[in-house]
Amino acid sequence: MIADINTESIQAPSSAVKMMQLFFTTDTEKKFRDMIKELQEIHGKTNITDTVYAIVEKDYENNKS
């Protein structure tokens, strides 16, 4: 039996976490993963998100006026 569900009353949970997407070709995705793997070791990170954030933050701090 299929129940009718009022989807208008259903709300997704709120979260302070936001997702961003990056788009790669087959070739650049492989290269990106290889680079990230090495950079994770250099920066002591365990996942792509933390690695990318650390590198962007470091470059930003080094280059802002």
C-alpha atoms as a PDB file:
ATOM      1  CA  MET A   1       0.000   0.000   0.000  1.00  0.00           C
ATOM      2  CA  ILE A   2       1.343   3.425  -0.931  1.00  0.00           C
ATOM      3  CA  ALA A   3       0.562   6.232   1.502  1.00  0.00           C
ATOM      4  CA  ASP A   4       0.010   9.790   0.383  1.00  0.00           C
ATOM      5  CA  ILE A   5       2.712  12.025   1.808  1.00  0.00           C
ATOM      6  CA  ASN A   6       2.362  15.778   2.004  1.00  0.00           C
ATOM      7  CA  THR A   7       5.816  16.747   0.711  1.00  0.00           C
ATOM      8  CA  GLU A   8       5.107  20.447   1.245  1.00  0.00           C
ATOM      9  CA  SER A   9       5.527  19.960   4.989  1.00  0.00           C
ATOM     10  CA  ILE A  10       8.850  18.141   4.675  1.00  0.00           C
ATOM     11  CA  GLN A  11      11.905  20.334   5.060  1.00  0.00           C
ATOM     12  CA  ALA A  12      15.527  19.348   4.658  1.00  0.00           C
ATOM     13  CA  PRO A  13      17.576  19.703   7.827  1.00  0.00           C
ATOM     14  CA  SER A  14      19.596  22.902   8.004  1.00  0.00           C
ATOM     15  CA  SER A  15      23.340  22.641   8.190  1.00  0.00           C
ATOM     16  CA  ALA A  16      26.369  24.882   8.505  1.00  0.00           C
ATOM     17  CA  VAL A  17      28.146  22.648   5.981  1.00  0.00           C
ATOM     18  CA  LYS A  18      28.094  23.773   2.357  1.00  0.00           C
ATOM     19  CA  MET A  19      29.128  21.708  -0.648  1.00  0.00           C
ATOM     20  CA  MET A  20      31.028  23.005  -3.665  1.00  0.00           C
ATOM     21  CA  GLN A  21      31.650  21.055  -6.824  1.00  0.00           C
ATOM     22  CA  LEU A  22      34.704  20.918  -9.046  1.00  0.00           C
ATOM     23  CA  PHE A  23      34.452  19.649 -12.603  1.00  0.00           C
ATOM     24  CA  PHE A  24      37.252  17.700 -14.282  1.00  0.00           C
ATOM     25  CA  THR A  25      37.840  15.824 -17.490  1.00  0.00           C
ATOM     26  CA  THR A  26      38.861  12.193 -17.184  1.00  0.00           C
ATOM     27  CA  ASP A  27      42.513  13.188 -17.534  1.00  0.00           C
ATOM     28  CA  THR A  28      42.467  16.146 -15.161  1.00  0.00           C
ATOM     29  CA  GLU A  29      40.521  14.200 -12.513  1.00  0.00           C
ATOM     30  CA  LYS A  30      43.256  11.547 -12.383  1.00  0.00           C
ATOM     31  CA  LYS A  31      45.982  14.206 -12.212  1.00  0.00           C
ATOM     32  CA  PHE A  32      44.064  16.124  -9.510  1.00  0.00           C
ATOM     33  CA  ARG A  33      43.715  13.002  -7.346  1.00  0.00           C
ATOM     34  CA  ASP A  34      47.415  12.207  -7.750  1.00  0.00           C
ATOM     35  CA  MET A  35      48.392  15.761  -6.776  1.00  0.00           C
ATOM     36  CA  ILE A  36      45.987  15.800  -3.824  1.00  0.00           C
ATOM     37  CA  LYS A  37      47.366  12.506  -2.537  1.00  0.00           C
ATOM     38  CA  GLU A  38      50.885  13.947  -2.401  1.00  0.00           C
ATOM     39  CA  LEU A  39      49.690  17.256  -0.953  1.00  0.00           C
ATOM     40  CA  GLN A  40      47.742  15.463   1.785  1.00  0.00           C
ATOM     41  CA  GLU A  41      51.003  13.975   3.027  1.00  0.00           C
ATOM     42  CA  ILE A  42      52.849  17.296   2.794  1.00  0.00           C
ATOM     43  CA  HIS A  43      50.135  19.191   4.698  1.00  0.00           C
ATOM     44  CA  GLY A  44      49.222  16.405   7.123  1.00  0.00           C
ATOM     45  CA  LYS A  45      45.612  16.175   5.943  1.00  0.00           C
ATOM     46  CA  THR A  46      43.454  13.078   5.563  1.00  0.00           C
ATOM     47  CA  ASN A  47      40.826  14.167   3.027  1.00  0.00           C
ATOM     48  CA  ILE A  48      40.402  16.222  -0.129  1.00  0.00           C
ATOM     49  CA  THR A  49      38.310  18.973   1.486  1.00  0.00           C
ATOM     50  CA  ASP A  50      40.801  19.751   4.261  1.00  0.00           C
ATOM     51  CA  THR A  51      43.712  19.573   1.819  1.00  0.00           C
ATOM     52  CA  VAL A  52      42.180  21.957  -0.708  1.00  0.00           C
ATOM     53  CA  TYR A  53      41.100  24.385   2.018  1.00  0.00           C
ATOM     54  CA  ALA A  54      44.577  24.426   3.625  1.00  0.00           C
ATOM     55  CA  ILE A  55      46.306  25.071   0.310  1.00  0.00           C
ATOM     56  CA  VAL A  56      43.888  27.804  -0.792  1.00  0.00           C
ATOM     57  CA  GLU A  57      44.057  29.483   2.625  1.00  0.00           C
ATOM     58  CA  LYS A  58      47.871  29.378   2.639  1.00  0.00           C
ATOM     59  CA  ASP A  59      48.101  30.801  -0.890  1.00  0.00           C
ATOM     60  CA  TYR A  60      45.551  33.485  -0.059  1.00  0.00           C
ATOM     61  CA  GLU A  61      47.458  34.568   3.050  1.00  0.00           C
ATOM     62  CA  ASN A  62      50.736  34.636   1.113  1.00  0.00           C
ATOM     63  CA  ASN A  63      49.295  36.761  -1.700  1.00  0.00           C
ATOM     64  CA  LYS A  64      46.825  39.188  -0.145  1.00  0.00           C
ATOM     65  CA  SER A  65      47.787  42.833  -0.021  1.00  0.00           C
END
